[in-house]
N, C-alpha and C. Protein backbone atom coordinates (compact mmCIF):
# COMPACT_ATOMS: atom_id res chain seq x y z
N MET A 1 0.84 -1.18 0.00
CA MET A 1 0.00 0.00 0.00
C MET A 1 0.88 1.24 0.00
N HIS A 2 0.50 2.22 -0.78
CA HIS A 2 1.23 3.48 -0.85
C HIS A 2 0.21 4.60 -0.69
N ARG A 3 0.27 5.28 0.45
CA ARG A 3 -0.67 6.36 0.75
C ARG A 3 -2.12 5.90 0.59
N GLY A 4 -2.38 4.67 1.03
CA GLY A 4 -3.73 4.13 0.99
C GLY A 4 -4.13 3.48 -0.32
N HIS A 5 -3.22 3.38 -1.26
CA HIS A 5 -3.52 2.80 -2.57
C HIS A 5 -2.57 1.65 -2.87
N GLN A 6 -3.10 0.64 -3.52
CA GLN A 6 -2.25 -0.44 -4.03
C GLN A 6 -1.61 0.08 -5.31
N VAL A 7 -0.29 0.17 -5.34
CA VAL A 7 0.42 0.72 -6.49
C VAL A 7 1.28 -0.37 -7.11
N THR A 8 1.16 -0.52 -8.43
CA THR A 8 1.98 -1.47 -9.17
C THR A 8 2.68 -0.70 -10.27
N VAL A 9 3.97 -0.92 -10.41
CA VAL A 9 4.77 -0.28 -11.45
C VAL A 9 5.02 -1.31 -12.55
N PHE A 10 4.67 -0.96 -13.78
CA PHE A 10 4.92 -1.79 -14.93
C PHE A 10 6.12 -1.22 -15.67
N ASP A 11 7.10 -2.05 -15.95
CA ASP A 11 8.28 -1.57 -16.67
C ASP A 11 9.04 -2.77 -17.22
N ARG A 12 9.77 -2.54 -18.30
CA ARG A 12 10.64 -3.58 -18.84
C ARG A 12 12.07 -3.42 -18.35
N ASN A 13 12.36 -2.26 -17.77
CA ASN A 13 13.72 -1.96 -17.32
C ASN A 13 13.93 -2.56 -15.92
N PRO A 14 14.81 -3.55 -15.79
CA PRO A 14 15.02 -4.19 -14.49
C PRO A 14 15.52 -3.22 -13.42
N GLN A 15 16.30 -2.22 -13.83
CA GLN A 15 16.82 -1.23 -12.88
C GLN A 15 15.68 -0.42 -12.25
N ARG A 16 14.73 0.01 -13.07
CA ARG A 16 13.60 0.77 -12.54
C ARG A 16 12.68 -0.12 -11.70
N LEU A 17 12.49 -1.37 -12.12
CA LEU A 17 11.67 -2.29 -11.34
C LEU A 17 12.30 -2.55 -9.97
N GLU A 18 13.61 -2.72 -9.94
CA GLU A 18 14.31 -2.93 -8.67
C GLU A 18 14.15 -1.72 -7.76
N CYS A 19 14.26 -0.55 -8.33
CA CYS A 19 14.09 0.70 -7.58
C CYS A 19 12.68 0.77 -7.00
N SER A 20 11.69 0.43 -7.79
CA SER A 20 10.30 0.46 -7.34
C SER A 20 10.06 -0.56 -6.24
N ALA A 21 10.62 -1.74 -6.39
CA ALA A 21 10.46 -2.78 -5.38
C ALA A 21 11.10 -2.36 -4.05
N LYS A 22 12.26 -1.70 -4.13
CA LYS A 22 12.92 -1.22 -2.91
C LYS A 22 12.06 -0.17 -2.20
N ALA A 23 11.26 0.55 -2.98
CA ALA A 23 10.38 1.56 -2.40
C ALA A 23 9.09 0.95 -1.86
N GLY A 24 8.98 -0.38 -1.94
CA GLY A 24 7.81 -1.06 -1.40
C GLY A 24 6.64 -1.18 -2.35
N LEU A 25 6.88 -0.95 -3.64
CA LEU A 25 5.81 -1.03 -4.63
C LEU A 25 5.81 -2.40 -5.31
N GLU A 26 4.64 -2.85 -5.72
CA GLU A 26 4.54 -4.07 -6.51
C GLU A 26 5.10 -3.77 -7.89
N THR A 27 5.67 -4.76 -8.55
CA THR A 27 6.23 -4.55 -9.89
C THR A 27 5.76 -5.64 -10.84
N GLU A 28 5.66 -5.29 -12.11
CA GLU A 28 5.29 -6.20 -13.18
C GLU A 28 6.08 -5.85 -14.42
N GLU A 29 6.51 -6.84 -15.17
CA GLU A 29 7.19 -6.60 -16.44
C GLU A 29 6.21 -6.54 -17.60
N SER A 30 5.03 -7.12 -17.42
CA SER A 30 4.06 -7.22 -18.50
C SER A 30 2.86 -6.32 -18.21
N LEU A 31 2.26 -5.81 -19.28
CA LEU A 31 1.05 -4.99 -19.15
C LEU A 31 -0.21 -5.84 -19.18
N ALA A 32 -0.06 -7.15 -19.03
CA ALA A 32 -1.18 -8.08 -19.18
C ALA A 32 -2.32 -7.84 -18.20
N GLN A 33 -2.06 -7.26 -17.04
CA GLN A 33 -3.13 -7.11 -16.04
C GLN A 33 -3.63 -5.68 -15.89
N LEU A 34 -3.53 -4.89 -16.94
CA LEU A 34 -4.00 -3.50 -16.88
C LEU A 34 -5.47 -3.40 -16.52
N ASP A 35 -6.24 -4.41 -16.88
CA ASP A 35 -7.69 -4.36 -16.64
C ASP A 35 -8.07 -4.55 -15.17
N THR A 36 -7.10 -4.70 -14.30
CA THR A 36 -7.39 -4.87 -12.86
C THR A 36 -7.22 -3.57 -12.07
N PHE A 37 -6.90 -2.47 -12.75
CA PHE A 37 -6.62 -1.21 -12.07
C PHE A 37 -7.67 -0.15 -12.39
N ASP A 38 -8.07 0.61 -11.37
CA ASP A 38 -9.03 1.71 -11.54
C ASP A 38 -8.37 2.94 -12.16
N ALA A 39 -7.08 3.10 -11.88
CA ALA A 39 -6.34 4.27 -12.37
C ALA A 39 -5.01 3.80 -12.92
N VAL A 40 -4.61 4.41 -14.04
CA VAL A 40 -3.35 4.06 -14.70
C VAL A 40 -2.64 5.36 -15.05
N VAL A 41 -1.34 5.43 -14.71
CA VAL A 41 -0.51 6.57 -15.11
C VAL A 41 0.44 6.08 -16.19
N GLU A 42 0.32 6.62 -17.39
CA GLU A 42 1.22 6.25 -18.48
C GLU A 42 2.29 7.32 -18.54
N ALA A 43 3.51 6.96 -18.17
CA ALA A 43 4.58 7.95 -18.03
C ALA A 43 5.72 7.77 -19.02
N THR A 44 5.61 6.82 -19.94
CA THR A 44 6.73 6.56 -20.84
C THR A 44 6.73 7.44 -22.08
N GLY A 45 5.55 7.77 -22.56
CA GLY A 45 5.47 8.49 -23.82
C GLY A 45 5.59 7.57 -25.03
N ALA A 46 5.67 6.27 -24.80
CA ALA A 46 5.80 5.29 -25.89
C ALA A 46 4.43 4.96 -26.47
N GLN A 47 4.33 4.99 -27.80
CA GLN A 47 3.05 4.71 -28.44
C GLN A 47 2.53 3.31 -28.13
N GLU A 48 3.43 2.35 -28.04
CA GLU A 48 3.03 0.97 -27.72
C GLU A 48 2.36 0.91 -26.34
N ALA A 49 2.94 1.60 -25.38
CA ALA A 49 2.35 1.63 -24.03
C ALA A 49 1.02 2.39 -24.04
N LEU A 50 0.96 3.48 -24.76
CA LEU A 50 -0.28 4.26 -24.86
C LEU A 50 -1.40 3.41 -25.43
N ARG A 51 -1.13 2.71 -26.52
CA ARG A 51 -2.16 1.86 -27.12
C ARG A 51 -2.64 0.79 -26.13
N ALA A 52 -1.69 0.17 -25.43
CA ALA A 52 -2.06 -0.88 -24.46
C ALA A 52 -2.93 -0.30 -23.35
N VAL A 53 -2.54 0.86 -22.82
CA VAL A 53 -3.29 1.47 -21.72
C VAL A 53 -4.69 1.87 -22.19
N LEU A 54 -4.81 2.50 -23.35
CA LEU A 54 -6.12 2.92 -23.84
C LEU A 54 -7.01 1.73 -24.17
N HIS A 55 -6.44 0.69 -24.69
CA HIS A 55 -7.23 -0.47 -25.12
C HIS A 55 -7.49 -1.46 -23.99
N ASP A 56 -6.49 -1.75 -23.17
CA ASP A 56 -6.58 -2.86 -22.23
C ASP A 56 -6.92 -2.47 -20.79
N SER A 57 -7.01 -1.18 -20.50
CA SER A 57 -7.36 -0.79 -19.13
C SER A 57 -8.83 -1.13 -18.85
N ALA A 58 -9.16 -1.15 -17.57
CA ALA A 58 -10.50 -1.54 -17.13
C ALA A 58 -11.57 -0.54 -17.58
N ALA A 59 -12.80 -1.02 -17.66
CA ALA A 59 -13.93 -0.13 -17.92
C ALA A 59 -13.99 0.89 -16.78
N SER A 60 -14.29 2.12 -17.10
CA SER A 60 -14.36 3.24 -16.15
C SER A 60 -13.02 3.64 -15.56
N ALA A 61 -11.92 3.15 -16.11
CA ALA A 61 -10.59 3.52 -15.60
C ALA A 61 -10.30 4.99 -15.88
N THR A 62 -9.53 5.58 -15.00
CA THR A 62 -9.01 6.93 -15.22
C THR A 62 -7.56 6.77 -15.65
N ILE A 63 -7.21 7.41 -16.75
CA ILE A 63 -5.88 7.27 -17.34
C ILE A 63 -5.21 8.64 -17.37
N LEU A 64 -4.09 8.76 -16.67
CA LEU A 64 -3.30 9.99 -16.68
C LEU A 64 -2.17 9.82 -17.67
N LEU A 65 -2.12 10.69 -18.67
CA LEU A 65 -1.05 10.66 -19.67
C LEU A 65 0.03 11.64 -19.24
N LEU A 66 1.12 11.08 -18.75
CA LEU A 66 2.23 11.87 -18.23
C LEU A 66 3.39 11.93 -19.22
N GLY A 67 3.51 10.91 -20.07
CA GLY A 67 4.58 10.88 -21.07
C GLY A 67 4.33 11.95 -22.12
N MET A 68 5.40 12.40 -22.77
CA MET A 68 5.26 13.53 -23.69
C MET A 68 5.64 13.26 -25.14
N SER A 69 6.15 12.12 -25.50
CA SER A 69 6.63 11.96 -26.88
C SER A 69 5.81 10.96 -27.68
N TYR A 70 4.49 11.04 -27.57
CA TYR A 70 3.64 10.09 -28.28
C TYR A 70 3.70 10.28 -29.79
N GLY A 71 3.85 11.50 -30.25
CA GLY A 71 3.88 11.76 -31.68
C GLY A 71 2.51 11.53 -32.30
N ALA A 72 2.46 11.60 -33.61
CA ALA A 72 1.20 11.40 -34.34
C ALA A 72 0.88 9.91 -34.41
N SER A 73 -0.36 9.58 -34.15
CA SER A 73 -0.79 8.20 -34.27
C SER A 73 -2.30 8.15 -34.48
N THR A 74 -2.76 7.01 -34.92
CA THR A 74 -4.21 6.83 -35.05
C THR A 74 -4.64 5.85 -33.97
N PHE A 75 -5.83 6.07 -33.47
CA PHE A 75 -6.37 5.18 -32.44
C PHE A 75 -7.87 5.13 -32.56
N ASP A 76 -8.44 3.95 -32.41
CA ASP A 76 -9.88 3.76 -32.41
C ASP A 76 -10.39 4.05 -31.01
N PHE A 77 -11.05 5.17 -30.81
CA PHE A 77 -11.50 5.59 -29.49
C PHE A 77 -12.75 4.86 -29.01
N GLU A 78 -13.18 3.84 -29.73
CA GLU A 78 -14.33 3.05 -29.29
C GLU A 78 -14.07 2.44 -27.92
N GLN A 79 -12.84 2.01 -27.65
CA GLN A 79 -12.48 1.43 -26.34
C GLN A 79 -12.62 2.46 -25.23
N VAL A 80 -12.31 3.71 -25.52
CA VAL A 80 -12.38 4.76 -24.51
C VAL A 80 -13.83 5.16 -24.27
N VAL A 81 -14.54 5.48 -25.33
CA VAL A 81 -15.92 5.93 -25.21
C VAL A 81 -16.84 4.79 -24.78
N GLY A 82 -16.69 3.64 -25.41
CA GLY A 82 -17.55 2.50 -25.14
C GLY A 82 -17.41 1.95 -23.73
N TYR A 83 -16.25 2.15 -23.13
CA TYR A 83 -16.02 1.63 -21.78
C TYR A 83 -15.89 2.74 -20.74
N ASP A 84 -16.36 3.95 -21.11
CA ASP A 84 -16.46 5.07 -20.17
C ASP A 84 -15.15 5.36 -19.45
N LYS A 85 -14.05 5.37 -20.20
CA LYS A 85 -12.74 5.67 -19.61
C LYS A 85 -12.53 7.17 -19.61
N THR A 86 -11.79 7.65 -18.62
CA THR A 86 -11.47 9.07 -18.51
C THR A 86 -9.99 9.26 -18.79
N ILE A 87 -9.68 10.17 -19.70
CA ILE A 87 -8.28 10.47 -20.02
C ILE A 87 -7.96 11.86 -19.50
N VAL A 88 -6.86 11.95 -18.75
CA VAL A 88 -6.44 13.22 -18.15
C VAL A 88 -5.04 13.54 -18.67
N GLY A 89 -4.86 14.76 -19.14
CA GLY A 89 -3.53 15.22 -19.55
C GLY A 89 -2.81 15.84 -18.37
N SER A 90 -1.50 15.96 -18.47
CA SER A 90 -0.74 16.45 -17.32
C SER A 90 0.08 17.70 -17.59
N VAL A 91 0.05 18.21 -18.79
CA VAL A 91 0.93 19.31 -19.14
C VAL A 91 0.48 20.64 -18.57
N GLY A 92 -0.78 20.81 -18.30
CA GLY A 92 -1.31 22.09 -17.85
C GLY A 92 -1.14 22.37 -16.37
N SER A 93 -0.07 21.90 -15.78
CA SER A 93 0.14 22.13 -14.35
C SER A 93 0.44 23.60 -14.07
N GLY A 94 -0.08 24.06 -12.96
CA GLY A 94 0.15 25.45 -12.57
C GLY A 94 0.94 25.54 -11.28
N HIS A 95 1.09 26.74 -10.79
CA HIS A 95 1.85 27.02 -9.58
C HIS A 95 1.36 26.19 -8.40
N ASP A 96 0.05 26.12 -8.20
CA ASP A 96 -0.51 25.37 -7.08
C ASP A 96 -0.17 23.88 -7.17
N ASP A 97 -0.16 23.34 -8.39
CA ASP A 97 0.18 21.93 -8.57
C ASP A 97 1.62 21.66 -8.16
N PHE A 98 2.52 22.57 -8.54
CA PHE A 98 3.92 22.38 -8.18
C PHE A 98 4.12 22.53 -6.67
N GLU A 99 3.42 23.46 -6.05
CA GLU A 99 3.52 23.60 -4.59
C GLU A 99 3.05 22.32 -3.91
N GLN A 100 1.95 21.74 -4.38
CA GLN A 100 1.45 20.50 -3.79
C GLN A 100 2.44 19.37 -4.02
N ALA A 101 3.04 19.29 -5.20
CA ALA A 101 4.02 18.23 -5.48
C ALA A 101 5.24 18.36 -4.57
N ILE A 102 5.70 19.58 -4.36
CA ILE A 102 6.85 19.79 -3.49
C ILE A 102 6.51 19.40 -2.06
N GLU A 103 5.30 19.72 -1.63
CA GLU A 103 4.86 19.33 -0.29
C GLU A 103 4.80 17.81 -0.16
N LEU A 104 4.24 17.13 -1.15
CA LEU A 104 4.15 15.67 -1.11
C LEU A 104 5.52 15.01 -1.17
N LEU A 105 6.45 15.63 -1.86
CA LEU A 105 7.79 15.08 -2.01
C LEU A 105 8.47 14.86 -0.66
N GLN A 106 8.14 15.69 0.31
CA GLN A 106 8.72 15.55 1.65
C GLN A 106 8.30 14.25 2.32
N HIS A 107 7.22 13.63 1.86
CA HIS A 107 6.69 12.42 2.48
C HIS A 107 7.03 11.15 1.69
N ILE A 108 7.86 11.30 0.68
CA ILE A 108 8.22 10.18 -0.18
C ILE A 108 9.71 9.90 -0.03
N ASP A 109 10.05 8.64 0.15
CA ASP A 109 11.46 8.25 0.22
C ASP A 109 12.01 8.20 -1.20
N THR A 110 12.80 9.18 -1.57
CA THR A 110 13.38 9.24 -2.92
C THR A 110 14.79 8.66 -2.98
N SER A 111 15.27 8.13 -1.86
CA SER A 111 16.66 7.65 -1.82
C SER A 111 16.93 6.55 -2.84
N THR A 112 15.93 5.73 -3.16
CA THR A 112 16.15 4.68 -4.14
C THR A 112 16.16 5.20 -5.57
N LEU A 113 15.66 6.41 -5.78
CA LEU A 113 15.61 6.98 -7.12
C LEU A 113 16.91 7.67 -7.52
N ILE A 114 17.54 8.31 -6.56
CA ILE A 114 18.69 9.16 -6.87
C ILE A 114 19.96 8.33 -6.82
N GLU A 115 20.56 8.13 -7.97
CA GLU A 115 21.76 7.32 -8.05
C GLU A 115 23.03 8.16 -8.12
N LYS A 116 22.89 9.39 -8.54
CA LYS A 116 24.08 10.21 -8.73
C LYS A 116 23.73 11.66 -8.43
N VAL A 117 24.61 12.32 -7.68
CA VAL A 117 24.48 13.76 -7.42
C VAL A 117 25.76 14.41 -7.93
N LEU A 118 25.57 15.36 -8.83
CA LEU A 118 26.71 16.05 -9.43
C LEU A 118 26.54 17.55 -9.27
N PRO A 119 27.65 18.28 -9.24
CA PRO A 119 27.53 19.75 -9.21
C PRO A 119 26.96 20.25 -10.54
N MET A 120 26.28 21.37 -10.50
CA MET A 120 25.68 21.95 -11.69
C MET A 120 26.70 22.12 -12.81
N SER A 121 27.94 22.37 -12.46
CA SER A 121 28.97 22.57 -13.49
C SER A 121 29.21 21.30 -14.30
N GLU A 122 28.74 20.14 -13.85
CA GLU A 122 28.90 18.89 -14.58
C GLU A 122 27.59 18.46 -15.24
N TYR A 123 26.79 19.45 -15.63
CA TYR A 123 25.48 19.18 -16.22
C TYR A 123 25.55 18.31 -17.46
N GLN A 124 26.59 18.47 -18.29
CA GLN A 124 26.68 17.67 -19.52
C GLN A 124 26.86 16.19 -19.19
N GLN A 125 27.69 15.88 -18.21
CA GLN A 125 27.87 14.49 -17.79
C GLN A 125 26.57 13.94 -17.22
N ALA A 126 25.88 14.75 -16.42
CA ALA A 126 24.61 14.32 -15.82
C ALA A 126 23.59 14.02 -16.91
N TRP A 127 23.50 14.89 -17.90
CA TRP A 127 22.55 14.72 -19.00
C TRP A 127 22.84 13.43 -19.75
N GLN A 128 24.10 13.16 -20.04
CA GLN A 128 24.49 11.95 -20.76
C GLN A 128 24.18 10.70 -19.94
N MET A 129 24.45 10.75 -18.64
CA MET A 129 24.16 9.61 -17.77
C MET A 129 22.67 9.30 -17.76
N ALA A 130 21.85 10.32 -17.69
CA ALA A 130 20.41 10.13 -17.68
C ALA A 130 19.90 9.61 -19.02
N ARG A 131 20.37 10.19 -20.11
CA ARG A 131 19.91 9.78 -21.44
C ARG A 131 20.35 8.37 -21.80
N SER A 132 21.53 7.98 -21.36
CA SER A 132 22.06 6.66 -21.71
C SER A 132 21.48 5.55 -20.84
N GLY A 133 20.87 5.92 -19.73
CA GLY A 133 20.34 4.92 -18.81
C GLY A 133 21.38 4.45 -17.81
N GLU A 134 22.56 5.06 -17.84
CA GLU A 134 23.62 4.70 -16.89
C GLU A 134 23.17 4.94 -15.46
N ALA A 135 22.34 5.96 -15.26
CA ALA A 135 21.79 6.26 -13.94
C ALA A 135 20.30 6.50 -14.11
N LEU A 136 19.52 6.00 -13.17
CA LEU A 136 18.07 6.17 -13.24
C LEU A 136 17.69 7.63 -13.10
N LYS A 137 18.21 8.28 -12.06
CA LYS A 137 17.97 9.71 -11.85
C LYS A 137 19.27 10.36 -11.43
N VAL A 138 19.52 11.54 -11.96
CA VAL A 138 20.70 12.32 -11.62
C VAL A 138 20.23 13.66 -11.09
N VAL A 139 20.74 14.05 -9.94
CA VAL A 139 20.39 15.33 -9.34
C VAL A 139 21.56 16.27 -9.52
N LEU A 140 21.26 17.48 -9.95
CA LEU A 140 22.29 18.52 -10.06
C LEU A 140 22.25 19.37 -8.79
N ARG A 141 23.40 19.47 -8.16
CA ARG A 141 23.52 20.25 -6.93
C ARG A 141 23.95 21.67 -7.31
N VAL A 142 23.17 22.63 -6.90
CA VAL A 142 23.48 24.03 -7.16
C VAL A 142 24.42 24.49 -6.05
N ASP A 143 25.59 24.95 -6.44
CA ASP A 143 26.56 25.40 -5.45
C ASP A 143 27.44 26.50 -6.04
N SER A 144 28.44 26.88 -5.33
CA SER A 144 29.29 28.00 -5.74
C SER A 144 30.18 27.67 -6.92
N SER A 145 30.16 26.42 -7.40
CA SER A 145 31.02 26.06 -8.53
C SER A 145 30.44 26.49 -9.87
N LEU A 146 29.28 27.10 -9.86
CA LEU A 146 28.68 27.55 -11.11
C LEU A 146 29.58 28.55 -11.80
N ASP A 147 29.79 28.34 -13.08
CA ASP A 147 30.60 29.30 -13.81
C ASP A 147 29.70 30.22 -14.65
N ALA A 148 30.28 31.18 -15.28
CA ALA A 148 29.52 32.18 -16.04
C ALA A 148 28.71 31.54 -17.17
N ARG A 149 29.25 30.50 -17.81
CA ARG A 149 28.55 29.84 -18.90
C ARG A 149 27.25 29.21 -18.41
N VAL A 150 27.29 28.54 -17.26
CA VAL A 150 26.10 27.91 -16.70
C VAL A 150 25.10 28.97 -16.30
N LEU A 151 25.56 30.01 -15.64
CA LEU A 151 24.66 31.07 -15.20
C LEU A 151 24.02 31.81 -16.36
N SER A 152 24.68 31.86 -17.51
CA SER A 152 24.16 32.60 -18.65
C SER A 152 23.00 31.88 -19.34
N GLY A 153 22.80 30.61 -19.03
CA GLY A 153 21.74 29.85 -19.69
C GLY A 153 22.24 29.11 -20.91
N ASP A 154 23.49 29.32 -21.30
CA ASP A 154 24.06 28.63 -22.45
C ASP A 154 24.05 27.12 -22.24
N TRP A 155 24.14 26.67 -21.00
CA TRP A 155 24.15 25.24 -20.70
C TRP A 155 22.88 24.55 -21.15
N ALA A 156 21.75 25.23 -21.03
CA ALA A 156 20.47 24.61 -21.38
C ALA A 156 20.39 24.35 -22.89
N ARG A 157 20.84 25.31 -23.68
CA ARG A 157 20.79 25.13 -25.13
C ARG A 157 21.66 23.95 -25.54
N LYS A 158 22.83 23.80 -24.94
CA LYS A 158 23.73 22.71 -25.28
C LYS A 158 23.19 21.37 -24.76
N ALA A 159 22.56 21.35 -23.62
CA ALA A 159 22.07 20.11 -23.02
C ALA A 159 20.98 19.49 -23.87
N TRP A 160 20.17 20.29 -24.56
CA TRP A 160 19.05 19.77 -25.32
C TRP A 160 19.43 19.32 -26.71
N ARG A 161 20.69 19.45 -27.08
CA ARG A 161 21.12 19.02 -28.42
C ARG A 161 21.27 17.53 -28.50
C-alpha cells in the first residue's frame, strides 16, 4: 500500500523495477493485467504503451497521460468511449500543482531513485548519464562552482542538443 492505494509499477527496465520494489511497490514486467486497475498513469510516452493502456485498461478507468513523446498516431476511441474511460492530460500544471508536489515530495522516500548527485557545473555528464540509462535519476547540486557559462543559460541550449 502506498498512501492508501495499491500501487503497481509496470516496466521492462530491471533497474527501474528494482528501484520500485525497494520503495515497497509491486512490480510487473508485463502490461497483461491493466484491466485490474481503476487508475493508470502512463509515463513513458511510448506509443506501444499508450495503445495498451487505452485499449486494455478496465472499464471506467481513469488514465493519466504523463509521457510527452507520443507523436502522431491513429487510435480507435471506441475502447475509450464505449467503456467510459477518462483520459487526463498532465501538461497544464500550474503554480498550485507544483507547490502541492513539493509538499508531497517531503513524504516520499526518494533515496532509491537518486543514483548520482553532481555539481551543476557537470550538467553535460549528468545529462548523458540520464539519457544513456547509466543512472536512473541524476540530481544537479546548485553550489558555488557555477561558472559564467552555466549562469548565462548557455548550458540549457547545449544540453538539449
